[in-house]
Amino acid sequence: MALSEISSQQSAPTEMTNLRVDTFLDYMWTHPDAVIRYRASDMILNVHSDASYLSAPQARSRAGGYFFLGSLPKDGDPIKLNGAIHITCTILKLVAASAAEAELGALFLNAQEAKVLRLTLAELGHPQPPTPIHSDNTTAVGIVNNTIKRQRSRAMEMRYFWLLDGKTQKYFKFYYQPGQENLGDYPSKHHTADIHQHVRPYYVHTDKSPTHLLRALKPSIRRGCAEILGDPYPKKSPLPCIHVGPSRLTVSPSLPNHRILGHQSRILNRLSTTTNTPGMARQ
């Protein structure tokens, strides 16, 4: 997401672009050794698709997608996680007139990528069933599954309806799932520092990375409830909380985390190390 935002402004950079570059470099310096772990699986391609409506310049929307190899998902059962083999983070070329059209555009782009990956896996000896694609927009899923009346969808981009052919030919199978468990949500939106720290174990390998993704409750179940006891999903946060012992949450003093370094540049931190200035990284 950060690289996509920076690259979209490189032809006409501003002071905000420079600030985003510094923030990105600070984050990369704080986490220099990112590792992705791949586990043995059934080699079934899974796709999580999401879109961010009107979040890009010139009233455009951003599409995100997360591709990994796992098992066929079953409703209500945790999803077996694996390392990403492809991630989509791009800006839709056409201006979407609604959030549903933006989600439909994201499904279109992710399905195109999935079609190529399906052929690659088949050539490697892993024939694919209809590829499960998760989306958190009921209207977009209803359109591609042909379960709602498409009276006003005529104004949407015509190419997006190629998805209905893919569904009919059993290349894809589209599911609605709540946005909190959608792994494509993270690369499609801007997030605060605490969200970055919260979801990091799901996208790169750490000591506390989970192997399964717990399912989120649908909004219809949550309706009227201020809080549901035992729910692993915090309010307005993607992906469930990871409960670990306090000894595994300690931060090494020699490697301060990104939030501590938020008010100083990585260059100043390097200078403080070379000149042996005590306390700079701990302020």
C-alpha atoms as a PDB file:
ATOM      1  CA  MET A   1       0.000   0.000   0.000  1.00  0.00           C
ATOM      2  CA  ALA A   2       2.789   2.440   0.890  1.00  0.00           C
ATOM      3  CA  LEU A   3       4.749   1.713  -2.285  1.00  0.00           C
ATOM      4  CA  SER A   4       1.595   1.975  -4.399  1.00  0.00           C
ATOM      5  CA  GLU A   5       0.773   5.358  -2.879  1.00  0.00           C
ATOM      6  CA  ILE A   6       4.321   6.636  -3.386  1.00  0.00           C
ATOM      7  CA  SER A   7       4.626   5.360  -6.961  1.00  0.00           C
ATOM      8  CA  SER A   8       1.315   6.967  -7.958  1.00  0.00           C
ATOM      9  CA  GLN A   9       2.731  10.388  -6.970  1.00  0.00           C
ATOM     10  CA  GLN A  10       6.306  10.125  -8.254  1.00  0.00           C
ATOM     11  CA  SER A  11       5.541  12.199 -11.375  1.00  0.00           C
ATOM     12  CA  ALA A  12       4.284  15.107  -9.234  1.00  0.00           C
ATOM     13  CA  PRO A  13       5.688  14.628  -5.703  1.00  0.00           C
ATOM     14  CA  THR A  14       4.783  16.852  -2.780  1.00  0.00           C
ATOM     15  CA  GLU A  15       5.995  17.294   0.785  1.00  0.00           C
ATOM     16  CA  MET A  16       3.516  14.593   1.818  1.00  0.00           C
ATOM     17  CA  THR A  17       5.209  12.198  -0.621  1.00  0.00           C
ATOM     18  CA  ASN A  18       8.553  12.888   1.050  1.00  0.00           C
ATOM     19  CA  LEU A  19       7.005  12.274   4.461  1.00  0.00           C
ATOM     20  CA  ARG A  20       5.555   8.962   3.290  1.00  0.00           C
ATOM     21  CA  VAL A  21       8.942   7.883   1.939  1.00  0.00           C
ATOM     22  CA  ASP A  22      10.589   8.670   5.283  1.00  0.00           C
ATOM     23  CA  THR A  23       7.887   6.776   7.171  1.00  0.00           C
ATOM     24  CA  PHE A  24       8.258   3.776   4.867  1.00  0.00           C
ATOM     25  CA  LEU A  25      12.057   3.745   5.242  1.00  0.00           C
ATOM     26  CA  ASP A  26      11.724   4.011   9.017  1.00  0.00           C
ATOM     27  CA  TYR A  27       9.440   0.991   9.025  1.00  0.00           C
ATOM     28  CA  MET A  28      11.785  -1.007   6.765  1.00  0.00           C
ATOM     29  CA  TRP A  29      14.774  -0.148   8.953  1.00  0.00           C
ATOM     30  CA  THR A  30      12.879  -1.198  12.068  1.00  0.00           C
ATOM     31  CA  HIS A  31      11.931  -4.567  10.496  1.00  0.00           C
ATOM     32  CA  PRO A  32      14.908  -5.478   8.257  1.00  0.00           C
ATOM     33  CA  ASP A  33      14.375  -9.245   8.263  1.00  0.00           C
ATOM     34  CA  ALA A  34      10.884  -9.983   6.957  1.00  0.00           C
ATOM     35  CA  VAL A  35      10.296 -13.706   6.467  1.00  0.00           C
ATOM     36  CA  ILE A  36       7.418 -15.494   4.721  1.00  0.00           C
ATOM     37  CA  ARG A  37       6.876 -19.116   5.731  1.00  0.00           C
ATOM     38  CA  TYR A  38       5.171 -21.641   3.468  1.00  0.00           C
ATOM     39  CA  ARG A  39       3.588 -24.752   4.959  1.00  0.00           C
ATOM     40  CA  ALA A  40       2.492 -28.024   3.365  1.00  0.00           C
ATOM     41  CA  SER A  41      -1.100 -27.775   2.166  1.00  0.00           C
ATOM     42  CA  ASP A  42      -3.599 -29.176  -0.304  1.00  0.00           C
ATOM     43  CA  MET A  43      -2.270 -26.693  -2.908  1.00  0.00           C
ATOM     44  CA  ILE A  44      -5.718 -25.158  -3.423  1.00  0.00           C
ATOM     45  CA  LEU A  45      -5.577 -21.531  -4.507  1.00  0.00           C
ATOM     46  CA  ASN A  46      -7.465 -19.180  -2.156  1.00  0.00           C
ATOM     47  CA  VAL A  47      -8.137 -15.512  -2.900  1.00  0.00           C
ATOM     48  CA  HIS A  48      -9.293 -12.740  -0.575  1.00  0.00           C
ATOM     49  CA  SER A  49     -10.484  -9.666  -2.472  1.00  0.00           C
ATOM     50  CA  ASP A  50     -11.287  -6.177  -1.186  1.00  0.00           C
ATOM     51  CA  ALA A  51     -11.551  -2.582  -2.387  1.00  0.00           C
ATOM     52  CA  SER A  52     -11.263   0.867  -0.873  1.00  0.00           C
ATOM     53  CA  TYR A  53     -13.837   3.225  -2.370  1.00  0.00           C
ATOM     54  CA  LEU A  54     -12.683   6.767  -3.348  1.00  0.00           C
ATOM     55  CA  SER A  55      -9.402   6.425  -1.426  1.00  0.00           C
ATOM     56  CA  ALA A  56      -7.094   7.310  -4.326  1.00  0.00           C
ATOM     57  CA  PRO A  57      -6.535  10.685  -6.034  1.00  0.00           C
ATOM     58  CA  GLN A  58      -8.948  11.889  -8.733  1.00  0.00           C
ATOM     59  CA  ALA A  59     -11.923  10.101  -7.134  1.00  0.00           C
ATOM     60  CA  ARG A  60     -10.550   6.661  -7.910  1.00  0.00           C
ATOM     61  CA  SER A  61     -10.672   3.509  -5.816  1.00  0.00           C
ATOM     62  CA  ARG A  62      -8.015   1.036  -4.772  1.00  0.00           C
ATOM     63  CA  ALA A  63      -8.165  -2.748  -5.161  1.00  0.00           C
ATOM     64  CA  GLY A  64      -6.418  -5.258  -2.928  1.00  0.00           C
ATOM     65  CA  GLY A  65      -6.042  -9.021  -2.999  1.00  0.00           C
ATOM     66  CA  TYR A  66      -4.281 -11.762  -1.065  1.00  0.00           C
ATOM     67  CA  PHE A  67      -3.438 -15.092  -2.770  1.00  0.00           C
ATOM     68  CA  PHE A  68      -2.264 -18.169  -0.878  1.00  0.00           C
ATOM     69  CA  LEU A  69      -2.270 -21.949  -1.177  1.00  0.00           C
ATOM     70  CA  GLY A  70      -4.328 -23.869   1.360  1.00  0.00           C
ATOM     71  CA  SER A  71      -7.448 -26.012   1.554  1.00  0.00           C
ATOM     72  CA  LEU A  72     -11.016 -25.554   0.431  1.00  0.00           C
ATOM     73  CA  PRO A  73     -12.723 -23.307   3.006  1.00  0.00           C
ATOM     74  CA  LYS A  74     -15.686 -24.666   4.939  1.00  0.00           C
ATOM     75  CA  ASP A  75     -18.278 -22.348   6.389  1.00  0.00           C
ATOM     76  CA  GLY A  76     -17.669 -21.913  10.109  1.00  0.00           C
ATOM     77  CA  ASP A  77     -14.305 -23.706  10.192  1.00  0.00           C
ATOM     78  CA  PRO A  78     -11.047 -21.752  10.637  1.00  0.00           C
ATOM     79  CA  ILE A  79      -9.107 -21.005   7.473  1.00  0.00           C
ATOM     80  CA  LYS A  80      -5.703 -22.686   7.197  1.00  0.00           C
ATOM     81  CA  LEU A  81      -3.187 -19.906   6.592  1.00  0.00           C
ATOM     82  CA  ASN A  82      -0.110 -19.976   4.402  1.00  0.00           C
ATOM     83  CA  GLY A  83       2.424 -17.554   2.998  1.00  0.00           C
ATOM     84  CA  ALA A  84       1.285 -15.252   0.211  1.00  0.00           C
ATOM     85  CA  ILE A  85       2.212 -16.215  -3.353  1.00  0.00           C
ATOM     86  CA  HIS A  86       0.815 -12.984  -4.798  1.00  0.00           C
ATOM     87  CA  ILE A  87      -0.637  -9.723  -3.493  1.00  0.00           C
ATOM     88  CA  THR A  88      -2.672  -7.218  -5.478  1.00  0.00           C
ATOM     89  CA  CYS A  89      -2.472  -3.531  -4.603  1.00  0.00           C
ATOM     90  CA  THR A  90      -3.458  -1.242  -7.437  1.00  0.00           C
ATOM     91  CA  ILE A  91      -5.711   1.654  -8.366  1.00  0.00           C
ATOM     92  CA  LEU A  92      -8.756   1.010 -10.530  1.00  0.00           C
ATOM     93  CA  LYS A  93      -8.399   2.840 -13.832  1.00  0.00           C
ATOM     94  CA  LEU A  94     -12.103   3.669 -14.043  1.00  0.00           C
ATOM     95  CA  VAL A  95     -13.939   5.848 -11.540  1.00  0.00           C
ATOM     96  CA  ALA A  96     -16.375   3.667  -9.614  1.00  0.00           C
ATOM     97  CA  ALA A  97     -19.823   5.122  -9.082  1.00  0.00           C
ATOM     98  CA  SER A  98     -20.454   3.105  -5.924  1.00  0.00           C
ATOM     99  CA  ALA A  99     -18.686   0.931  -3.381  1.00  0.00           C
ATOM    100  CA  ALA A 100     -20.286  -2.125  -4.984  1.00  0.00           C
ATOM    101  CA  GLU A 101     -18.754  -1.262  -8.350  1.00  0.00           C
ATOM    102  CA  ALA A 102     -15.348  -0.778  -6.706  1.00  0.00           C
ATOM    103  CA  GLU A 103     -15.647  -4.201  -5.070  1.00  0.00           C
ATOM    104  CA  LEU A 104     -16.707  -5.672  -8.414  1.00  0.00           C
ATOM    105  CA  GLY A 105     -13.657  -4.107 -10.050  1.00  0.00           C
ATOM    106  CA  ALA A 106     -11.407  -5.596  -7.376  1.00  0.00           C
ATOM    107  CA  LEU A 107     -12.978  -9.022  -7.952  1.00  0.00           C
ATOM    108  CA  PHE A 108     -12.356  -8.608 -11.688  1.00  0.00           C
ATOM    109  CA  LEU A 109      -8.639  -7.815 -11.261  1.00  0.00           C
ATOM    110  CA  ASN A 110      -8.073 -10.566  -8.699  1.00  0.00           C
ATOM    111  CA  ALA A 111      -9.928 -13.130 -10.797  1.00  0.00           C
ATOM    112  CA  GLN A 112      -7.720 -12.282 -13.775  1.00  0.00           C
ATOM    113  CA  GLU A 113      -4.626 -12.964 -11.668  1.00  0.00           C
ATOM    114  CA  ALA A 114      -6.211 -16.132 -10.284  1.00  0.00           C
ATOM    115  CA  LYS A 115      -6.851 -17.426 -13.820  1.00  0.00           C
ATOM    116  CA  VAL A 116      -3.114 -17.323 -14.565  1.00  0.00           C
ATOM    117  CA  LEU A 117      -2.196 -18.939 -11.249  1.00  0.00           C
ATOM    118  CA  ARG A 118      -4.773 -21.690 -11.834  1.00  0.00           C
ATOM    119  CA  LEU A 119      -3.104 -22.577 -15.151  1.00  0.00           C
ATOM    120  CA  THR A 120       0.349 -22.518 -13.543  1.00  0.00           C
ATOM    121  CA  LEU A 121      -0.703 -24.826 -10.724  1.00  0.00           C
ATOM    122  CA  ALA A 122      -2.401 -27.192 -13.165  1.00  0.00           C
ATOM    123  CA  GLU A 123       0.793 -27.388 -15.242  1.00  0.00           C
ATOM    124  CA  LEU A 124       2.713 -28.213 -12.045  1.00  0.00           C
ATOM    125  CA  GLY A 125       0.409 -31.152 -11.378  1.00  0.00           C
ATOM    126  CA  HIS A 126      -2.084 -29.544  -9.011  1.00  0.00           C
ATOM    127  CA  PRO A 127      -5.486 -29.413 -10.747  1.00  0.00           C
ATOM    128  CA  GLN A 128      -7.741 -26.812  -9.222  1.00  0.00           C
ATOM    129  CA  PRO A 129     -11.399 -26.932  -8.204  1.00  0.00           C
ATOM    130  CA  PRO A 130     -13.410 -23.706  -8.574  1.00  0.00           C
ATOM    131  CA  THR A 131     -11.158 -21.151  -6.921  1.00  0.00           C
ATOM    132  CA  PRO A 132     -12.769 -19.774  -3.725  1.00  0.00           C
ATOM    133  CA  ILE A 133     -12.731 -15.953  -3.723  1.00  0.00           C
ATOM    134  CA  HIS A 134     -13.816 -14.126  -0.586  1.00  0.00           C
ATOM    135  CA  SER A 135     -15.374 -10.664  -0.655  1.00  0.00           C
ATOM    136  CA  ASP A 136     -16.972  -8.537   2.045  1.00  0.00           C
ATOM    137  CA  ASN A 137     -19.557  -6.806  -0.155  1.00  0.00           C
ATOM    138  CA  THR A 138     -22.933  -8.540  -0.380  1.00  0.00           C
ATOM    139  CA  THR A 139     -23.999  -6.600  -3.483  1.00  0.00           C
ATOM    140  CA  ALA A 140     -20.900  -7.525  -5.496  1.00  0.00           C
ATOM    141  CA  VAL A 141     -21.169 -11.181  -4.435  1.00  0.00           C
ATOM    142  CA  GLY A 142     -24.880 -11.178  -5.289  1.00  0.00           C
ATOM    143  CA  ILE A 143     -24.156  -9.820  -8.778  1.00  0.00           C
ATOM    144  CA  VAL A 144     -21.477 -12.388  -9.648  1.00  0.00           C
ATOM    145  CA  ASN A 145     -23.504 -15.251  -8.144  1.00  0.00           C
ATOM    146  CA  ASN A 146     -26.610 -14.022 -10.006  1.00  0.00           C
ATOM    147  CA  THR A 147     -28.686 -14.049  -6.814  1.00  0.00           C
ATOM    148  CA  ILE A 148     -29.941 -10.457  -6.949  1.00  0.00           C
ATOM    149  CA  LYS A 149     -31.827  -8.498  -9.571  1.00  0.00           C
ATOM    150  CA  ARG A 150     -29.306  -6.475 -11.594  1.00  0.00           C
ATOM    151  CA  GLN A 151     -31.577  -3.580 -12.520  1.00  0.00           C
ATOM    152  CA  ARG A 152     -29.216  -0.700 -11.688  1.00  0.00           C
ATOM    153  CA  SER A 153     -25.979  -2.572 -12.356  1.00  0.00           C
ATOM    154  CA  ARG A 154     -26.250  -1.699 -16.056  1.00  0.00           C
ATOM    155  CA  ALA A 155     -24.275   1.470 -15.361  1.00  0.00           C
ATOM    156  CA  MET A 156     -21.300  -0.550 -14.088  1.00  0.00           C
ATOM    157  CA  GLU A 157     -18.313  -1.336 -16.272  1.00  0.00           C
ATOM    158  CA  MET A 158     -19.244  -4.013 -18.791  1.00  0.00           C
ATOM    159  CA  ARG A 159     -15.972  -5.971 -18.472  1.00  0.00           C
ATOM    160  CA  TYR A 160     -16.650  -6.723 -14.825  1.00  0.00           C
ATOM    161  CA  PHE A 161     -19.456  -9.072 -15.816  1.00  0.00           C
ATOM    162  CA  TRP A 162     -16.863 -11.486 -17.183  1.00  0.00           C
ATOM    163  CA  LEU A 163     -16.956 -12.777 -13.600  1.00  0.00           C
ATOM    164  CA  LEU A 164     -20.398 -14.276 -14.210  1.00  0.00           C
ATOM    165  CA  ASP A 165     -18.931 -16.360 -17.046  1.00  0.00           C
ATOM    166  CA  GLY A 166     -16.141 -17.545 -14.766  1.00  0.00           C
ATOM    167  CA  LYS A 167     -18.691 -18.547 -12.154  1.00  0.00           C
ATOM    168  CA  THR A 168     -20.832 -20.383 -14.746  1.00  0.00           C
ATOM    169  CA  GLN A 169     -17.811 -22.224 -16.168  1.00  0.00           C
ATOM    170  CA  LYS A 170     -16.806 -23.232 -12.607  1.00  0.00           C
ATOM    171  CA  TYR A 171     -13.483 -21.431 -12.637  1.00  0.00           C
ATOM    172  CA  PHE A 172     -14.378 -19.409  -9.548  1.00  0.00           C
ATOM    173  CA  LYS A 173     -16.666 -19.645  -6.556  1.00  0.00           C
ATOM    174  CA  PHE A 174     -17.506 -16.405  -4.785  1.00  0.00           C
ATOM    175  CA  TYR A 175     -18.219 -16.194  -1.071  1.00  0.00           C
ATOM    176  CA  TYR A 176     -19.360 -13.403   1.185  1.00  0.00           C
ATOM    177  CA  GLN A 177     -17.399 -13.163   4.422  1.00  0.00           C
ATOM    178  CA  PRO A 178     -17.144 -10.261   6.917  1.00  0.00           C
ATOM    179  CA  GLY A 179     -14.417  -7.747   6.205  1.00  0.00           C
ATOM    180  CA  GLN A 180     -12.652  -8.381   9.508  1.00  0.00           C
ATOM    181  CA  GLU A 181     -11.437 -11.797   8.328  1.00  0.00           C
ATOM    182  CA  ASN A 182     -10.591 -10.614   4.809  1.00  0.00           C
ATOM    183  CA  LEU A 183      -6.813 -10.733   4.275  1.00  0.00           C
ATOM    184  CA  GLY A 184      -7.201  -8.474   1.230  1.00  0.00           C
ATOM    185  CA  ASP A 185      -8.352  -5.600   3.442  1.00  0.00           C
ATOM    186  CA  TYR A 186      -4.864  -4.684   4.661  1.00  0.00           C
ATOM    187  CA  PRO A 187      -3.189  -3.891   1.283  1.00  0.00           C
ATOM    188  CA  SER A 188      -6.173  -1.843   0.088  1.00  0.00           C
ATOM    189  CA  LYS A 189      -6.431   0.804   2.835  1.00  0.00           C
ATOM    190  CA  HIS A 190      -4.434   3.198   4.979  1.00  0.00           C
ATOM    191  CA  HIS A 191      -3.963   2.072   8.571  1.00  0.00           C
ATOM    192  CA  THR A 192      -2.631   3.492  11.794  1.00  0.00           C
ATOM    193  CA  ALA A 193       0.578   2.259  13.424  1.00  0.00           C
ATOM    194  CA  ASP A 194      -1.210   0.041  15.937  1.00  0.00           C
ATOM    195  CA  ILE A 195      -3.047  -1.762  13.115  1.00  0.00           C
ATOM    196  CA  HIS A 196       0.259  -2.385  11.312  1.00  0.00           C
ATOM    197  CA  GLN A 197       1.685  -3.962  14.446  1.00  0.00           C
ATOM    198  CA  HIS A 198      -1.513  -5.922  15.043  1.00  0.00           C
ATOM    199  CA  VAL A 199      -1.716  -7.602  11.608  1.00  0.00           C
ATOM    200  CA  ARG A 200       2.020  -8.082  10.985  1.00  0.00           C
ATOM    201  CA  PRO A 201       2.112 -11.717  12.295  1.00  0.00           C
ATOM    202  CA  TYR A 202      -0.544 -12.686   9.724  1.00  0.00           C
ATOM    203  CA  TYR A 203       1.429 -11.474   6.688  1.00  0.00           C
ATOM    204  CA  VAL A 204       5.051 -12.192   7.650  1.00  0.00           C
ATOM    205  CA  HIS A 205       6.430 -14.943   9.854  1.00  0.00           C
ATOM    206  CA  THR A 206       7.074 -14.089  13.497  1.00  0.00           C
ATOM    207  CA  ASP A 207       7.260 -16.088  16.708  1.00  0.00           C
ATOM    208  CA  LYS A 208       3.553 -15.509  17.286  1.00  0.00           C
ATOM    209  CA  SER A 209       2.252 -16.052  13.745  1.00  0.00           C
ATOM    210  CA  PRO A 210      -0.945 -18.161  13.777  1.00  0.00           C
ATOM    211  CA  THR A 211      -1.544 -21.138  11.501  1.00  0.00           C
ATOM    212  CA  HIS A 212      -5.330 -20.709  11.277  1.00  0.00           C
ATOM    213  CA  LEU A 213      -7.633 -17.729  10.822  1.00  0.00           C
ATOM    214  CA  LEU A 214     -10.657 -17.725  13.085  1.00  0.00           C
ATOM    215  CA  ARG A 215     -13.964 -16.835  11.457  1.00  0.00           C
ATOM    216  CA  ALA A 216     -15.667 -13.518  12.227  1.00  0.00           C
ATOM    217  CA  LEU A 217     -19.321 -13.195  13.080  1.00  0.00           C
ATOM    218  CA  LYS A 218     -21.517 -11.737  10.370  1.00  0.00           C
ATOM    219  CA  PRO A 219     -23.050  -8.297  10.983  1.00  0.00           C
ATOM    220  CA  SER A 220     -26.532  -9.795  11.185  1.00  0.00           C
ATOM    221  CA  ILE A 221     -25.440 -11.777  14.245  1.00  0.00           C
ATOM    222  CA  ARG A 222     -23.816  -8.779  15.907  1.00  0.00           C
ATOM    223  CA  ARG A 223     -26.868  -6.554  15.412  1.00  0.00           C
ATOM    224  CA  GLY A 224     -28.027  -5.031  18.690  1.00  0.00           C
ATOM    225  CA  CYS A 225     -25.050  -6.326  20.699  1.00  0.00           C
ATOM    226  CA  ALA A 226     -22.601  -3.901  22.281  1.00  0.00           C
ATOM    227  CA  GLU A 227     -20.071  -6.704  22.775  1.00  0.00           C
ATOM    228  CA  ILE A 228     -19.962 -10.459  22.265  1.00  0.00           C
ATOM    229  CA  LEU A 229     -18.088 -12.362  24.953  1.00  0.00           C
ATOM    230  CA  GLY A 230     -15.236 -14.488  23.683  1.00  0.00           C
ATOM    231  CA  ASP A 231     -15.112 -12.745  20.300  1.00  0.00           C
ATOM    232  CA  PRO A 232     -11.428 -12.673  19.190  1.00  0.00           C
ATOM    233  CA  TYR A 233     -12.032  -9.748  16.849  1.00  0.00           C
ATOM    234  CA  PRO A 234     -11.611  -6.295  18.445  1.00  0.00           C
ATOM    235  CA  LYS A 235     -13.914  -3.505  17.360  1.00  0.00           C
ATOM    236  CA  LYS A 236     -13.052  -1.862  14.027  1.00  0.00           C
ATOM    237  CA  SER A 237      -9.832  -3.899  13.686  1.00  0.00           C
ATOM    238  CA  PRO A 238      -9.041  -6.437  10.957  1.00  0.00           C
ATOM    239  CA  LEU A 239      -8.021  -9.978  11.902  1.00  0.00           C
ATOM    240  CA  PRO A 240      -8.322 -11.482  15.391  1.00  0.00           C
ATOM    241  CA  CYS A 241      -6.139 -10.713  18.389  1.00  0.00           C
ATOM    242  CA  ILE A 242      -3.204 -12.987  19.131  1.00  0.00           C
ATOM    243  CA  HIS A 243      -2.905 -13.898  22.801  1.00  0.00           C
ATOM    244  CA  VAL A 244       0.637 -14.740  23.814  1.00  0.00           C
ATOM    245  CA  GLY A 245       2.577 -14.715  27.037  1.00  0.00           C
ATOM    246  CA  PRO A 246       4.134 -11.465  28.270  1.00  0.00           C
ATOM    247  CA  SER A 247       7.651 -12.824  27.746  1.00  0.00           C
ATOM    248  CA  ARG A 248       7.046 -13.045  23.986  1.00  0.00           C
ATOM    249  CA  LEU A 249       5.763  -9.482  23.749  1.00  0.00           C
ATOM    250  CA  THR A 250       8.877  -7.786  25.113  1.00  0.00           C
ATOM    251  CA  VAL A 251      10.724  -5.438  22.762  1.00  0.00           C
ATOM    252  CA  SER A 252      14.477  -5.640  22.543  1.00  0.00           C
ATOM    253  CA  PRO A 253      16.107  -2.361  23.672  1.00  0.00           C
ATOM    254  CA  SER A 254      18.600  -2.618  20.808  1.00  0.00           C
ATOM    255  CA  LEU A 255      15.807  -2.665  18.220  1.00  0.00           C
ATOM    256  CA  PRO A 256      13.082  -0.147  19.139  1.00  0.00           C
ATOM    257  CA  ASN A 257       9.782  -0.639  17.394  1.00  0.00           C
ATOM    258  CA  HIS A 258       8.273   1.569  14.701  1.00  0.00           C
ATOM    259  CA  ARG A 259       6.010   3.524  17.037  1.00  0.00           C
ATOM    260  CA  ILE A 260       8.958   4.566  19.246  1.00  0.00           C
ATOM    261  CA  LEU A 261      10.837   5.761  16.172  1.00  0.00           C
ATOM    262  CA  GLY A 262       7.838   7.659  14.847  1.00  0.00           C
ATOM    263  CA  HIS A 263       9.076  11.121  15.918  1.00  0.00           C
ATOM    264  CA  GLN A 264      12.624  10.819  14.630  1.00  0.00           C
ATOM    265  CA  SER A 265      14.196   9.834  11.350  1.00  0.00           C
ATOM    266  CA  ARG A 266      16.275   6.727  10.858  1.00  0.00           C
ATOM    267  CA  ILE A 267      19.231   8.964   9.984  1.00  0.00           C
ATOM    268  CA  LEU A 268      19.165  10.614  13.398  1.00  0.00           C
ATOM    269  CA  ASN A 269      18.954   7.198  15.006  1.00  0.00           C
ATOM    270  CA  ARG A 270      22.004   6.016  13.096  1.00  0.00           C
ATOM    271  CA  LEU A 271      23.909   9.150  14.103  1.00  0.00           C
ATOM    272  CA  SER A 272      23.001   8.574  17.731  1.00  0.00           C
ATOM    273  CA  THR A 273      24.464   5.060  17.448  1.00  0.00           C
ATOM    274  CA  THR A 274      27.732   6.147  15.845  1.00  0.00           C
ATOM    275  CA  THR A 275      28.334   9.038  18.229  1.00  0.00           C
ATOM    276  CA  ASN A 276      27.368   6.905  21.269  1.00  0.00           C
ATOM    277  CA  THR A 277      24.722   9.377  22.354  1.00  0.00           C
ATOM    278  CA  PRO A 278      22.790   7.542  25.110  1.00  0.00           C
ATOM    279  CA  GLY A 279      19.026   7.552  25.351  1.00  0.00           C
ATOM    280  CA  MET A 280      18.189   8.801  21.840  1.00  0.00           C
ATOM    281  CA  ALA A 281      16.366   5.626  20.779  1.00  0.00           C
ATOM    282  CA  ARG A 282      14.542   5.348  24.083  1.00  0.00           C
ATOM    283  CA  GLN A 283      13.019   8.817  24.143  1.00  0.00           C
END
